[in-house]
C-alpha atoms as a PDB file:
ATOM      1  CA  MET A   1      40.857 -47.976 -73.111  1.00  0.00           C
ATOM      2  CA  LEU A   2      38.610 -46.995 -70.186  1.00  0.00           C
ATOM      3  CA  VAL A   3      35.401 -47.842 -72.027  1.00  0.00           C
ATOM      4  CA  SER A   4      36.486 -51.237 -73.368  1.00  0.00           C
ATOM      5  CA  ASP A   5      34.805 -54.528 -72.493  1.00  0.00           C
ATOM      6  CA  ASN A   6      37.675 -55.243 -70.112  1.00  0.00           C
ATOM      7  CA  PRO A   7      38.626 -51.830 -68.703  1.00  0.00           C
ATOM      8  CA  PRO A   8      41.916 -51.370 -66.899  1.00  0.00           C
ATOM      9  CA  LEU A   9      42.288 -50.933 -63.182  1.00  0.00           C
ATOM     10  CA  VAL A  10      42.784 -47.230 -62.499  1.00  0.00           C
ATOM     11  CA  LEU A  11      45.172 -47.106 -59.548  1.00  0.00           C
ATOM     12  CA  ASP A  12      45.351 -43.695 -57.887  1.00  0.00           C
ATOM     13  CA  VAL A  13      48.529 -43.388 -55.794  1.00  0.00           C
ATOM     14  CA  ARG A  14      47.831 -39.987 -54.233  1.00  0.00           C
ATOM     15  CA  SER A  15      46.947 -39.338 -50.601  1.00  0.00           C
ATOM     16  CA  PRO A  16      43.358 -39.835 -49.414  1.00  0.00           C
ATOM     17  CA  GLY A  17      42.958 -36.057 -49.136  1.00  0.00           C
ATOM     18  CA  GLU A  18      44.030 -35.549 -52.743  1.00  0.00           C
ATOM     19  CA  PHE A  19      41.741 -38.351 -53.911  1.00  0.00           C
ATOM     20  CA  VAL A  20      38.661 -36.488 -52.632  1.00  0.00           C
ATOM     21  CA  GLY A  21      40.147 -33.005 -53.095  1.00  0.00           C
ATOM     22  CA  GLU A  22      39.674 -30.338 -55.756  1.00  0.00           C
ATOM     23  CA  LEU A  23      40.946 -32.477 -58.651  1.00  0.00           C
ATOM     24  CA  GLY A  24      38.739 -35.390 -57.652  1.00  0.00           C
ATOM     25  CA  HIS A  25      39.552 -38.807 -59.079  1.00  0.00           C
ATOM     26  CA  MET A  26      38.841 -40.793 -62.216  1.00  0.00           C
ATOM     27  CA  PRO A  27      35.576 -42.759 -62.140  1.00  0.00           C
ATOM     28  CA  GLY A  28      36.089 -46.198 -60.609  1.00  0.00           C
ATOM     29  CA  ALA A  29      39.632 -45.442 -59.455  1.00  0.00           C
ATOM     30  CA  ARG A  30      41.067 -47.498 -56.635  1.00  0.00           C
ATOM     31  CA  LEU A  31      43.099 -45.570 -54.053  1.00  0.00           C
ATOM     32  CA  ILE A  32      46.378 -47.013 -52.813  1.00  0.00           C
ATOM     33  CA  PRO A  33      48.770 -44.235 -51.771  1.00  0.00           C
ATOM     34  CA  LEU A  34      52.290 -44.648 -53.114  1.00  0.00           C
ATOM     35  CA  ASN A  35      53.743 -45.125 -49.626  1.00  0.00           C
ATOM     36  CA  LEU A  36      51.461 -48.166 -49.162  1.00  0.00           C
ATOM     37  CA  LEU A  37      51.924 -49.703 -52.603  1.00  0.00           C
ATOM     38  CA  GLN A  38      54.679 -52.180 -51.722  1.00  0.00           C
ATOM     39  CA  ASP A  39      52.598 -53.529 -48.836  1.00  0.00           C
ATOM     40  CA  SER A  40      49.560 -53.826 -51.161  1.00  0.00           C
ATOM     41  CA  LEU A  41      51.146 -55.925 -53.911  1.00  0.00           C
ATOM     42  CA  ALA A  42      49.522 -59.119 -52.629  1.00  0.00           C
ATOM     43  CA  VAL A  43      46.102 -57.440 -52.757  1.00  0.00           C
ATOM     44  CA  LEU A  44      46.796 -56.330 -56.331  1.00  0.00           C
ATOM     45  CA  SER A  45      48.129 -59.705 -57.467  1.00  0.00           C
ATOM     46  CA  HIS A  46      44.767 -60.731 -58.963  1.00  0.00           C
ATOM     47  CA  PHE A  47      45.161 -57.790 -61.397  1.00  0.00           C
ATOM     48  CA  LYS A  48      48.438 -59.096 -62.873  1.00  0.00           C
ATOM     49  CA  ASP A  49      46.779 -60.137 -66.135  1.00  0.00           C
ATOM     50  CA  ARG A  50      44.859 -56.870 -66.453  1.00  0.00           C
ATOM     51  CA  GLU A  51      46.001 -53.476 -67.681  1.00  0.00           C
ATOM     52  CA  ILE A  52      46.685 -51.011 -64.884  1.00  0.00           C
ATOM     53  CA  ILE A  53      46.791 -47.246 -65.263  1.00  0.00           C
ATOM     54  CA  ALA A  54      48.703 -45.537 -62.443  1.00  0.00           C
ATOM     55  CA  VAL A  55      47.498 -42.011 -61.661  1.00  0.00           C
ATOM     56  CA  CYS A  56      48.655 -39.167 -59.416  1.00  0.00           C
ATOM     57  CA  ARG A  57      48.491 -35.366 -59.513  1.00  0.00           C
ATOM     58  CA  SER A  58      51.136 -34.735 -62.182  1.00  0.00           C
ATOM     59  CA  GLY A  59      52.507 -38.113 -63.270  1.00  0.00           C
ATOM     60  CA  ARG A  60      55.619 -38.241 -61.085  1.00  0.00           C
ATOM     61  CA  ARG A  61      54.384 -40.524 -58.276  1.00  0.00           C
ATOM     62  CA  SER A  62      52.411 -42.655 -60.711  1.00  0.00           C
ATOM     63  CA  GLY A  63      55.610 -43.127 -62.727  1.00  0.00           C
ATOM     64  CA  ILE A  64      57.313 -44.443 -59.599  1.00  0.00           C
ATOM     65  CA  ALA A  65      54.308 -46.685 -58.920  1.00  0.00           C
ATOM     66  CA  ALA A  66      54.382 -48.036 -62.480  1.00  0.00           C
ATOM     67  CA  GLU A  67      58.072 -48.905 -62.081  1.00  0.00           C
ATOM     68  CA  GLN A  68      57.398 -50.661 -58.760  1.00  0.00           C
ATOM     69  CA  LEU A  69      54.559 -52.660 -60.275  1.00  0.00           C
ATOM     70  CA  ALA A  70      56.653 -53.621 -63.299  1.00  0.00           C
ATOM     71  CA  ARG A  71      59.464 -54.843 -61.016  1.00  0.00           C
ATOM     72  CA  ALA A  72      56.858 -56.907 -59.120  1.00  0.00           C
ATOM     73  CA  GLY A  73      55.821 -58.710 -62.312  1.00  0.00           C
ATOM     74  CA  PHE A  74      52.919 -56.593 -63.540  1.00  0.00           C
ATOM     75  CA  ASP A  75      53.562 -56.308 -67.276  1.00  0.00           C
ATOM     76  CA  LYS A  76      50.596 -54.223 -68.458  1.00  0.00           C
ATOM     77  CA  VAL A  77      51.197 -51.047 -66.459  1.00  0.00           C
ATOM     78  CA  TYR A  78      50.812 -47.521 -67.799  1.00  0.00           C
ATOM     79  CA  ASN A  79      51.495 -44.117 -66.266  1.00  0.00           C
ATOM     80  CA  LEU A  80      48.930 -41.378 -66.926  1.00  0.00           C
ATOM     81  CA  LYS A  81      51.254 -38.650 -68.208  1.00  0.00           C
ATOM     82  CA  GLY A  82      50.358 -35.282 -66.735  1.00  0.00           C
ATOM     83  CA  GLY A  83      48.249 -36.937 -64.051  1.00  0.00           C
ATOM     84  CA  MET A  84      44.940 -35.590 -62.828  1.00  0.00           C
ATOM     85  CA  VAL A  85      45.949 -32.031 -63.700  1.00  0.00           C
ATOM     86  CA  GLN A  86      46.193 -32.919 -67.392  1.00  0.00           C
ATOM     87  CA  TRP A  87      43.144 -35.207 -67.193  1.00  0.00           C
ATOM     88  CA  LYS A  88      40.959 -32.347 -65.926  1.00  0.00           C
ATOM     89  CA  GLN A  89      42.445 -29.849 -68.406  1.00  0.00           C
ATOM     90  CA  ASN A  90      41.503 -32.245 -71.206  1.00  0.00           C
ATOM     91  CA  GLY A  91      37.922 -32.488 -69.926  1.00  0.00           C
ATOM     92  CA  GLY A  92      38.220 -35.939 -68.351  1.00  0.00           C
ATOM     93  CA  LYS A  93      35.378 -36.990 -66.060  1.00  0.00           C
ATOM     94  CA  THR A  94      35.965 -37.078 -62.325  1.00  0.00           C
ATOM     95  CA  GLU A  95      34.147 -38.135 -59.189  1.00  0.00           C
END
């Protein structure tokens, strides 16, 4: 999915410190902390027709973010199960 011709938006909903911390972040990820997501929906509106992958440390906050986005009319939203912890354990690239 990430290497397709039209890759999804990777939306990291962790804190800024976590984004640059020991787990790093997925290449090209856009940081919008969960507590700012509702106020950022207008900024994200141009991604409504695109797939969005919500990411956090373990999958809990990104699950909440995915639900919020779905309620706001985003219909191609996915939660990265296991979050960045699982991503790194599986050898996923990070920045």
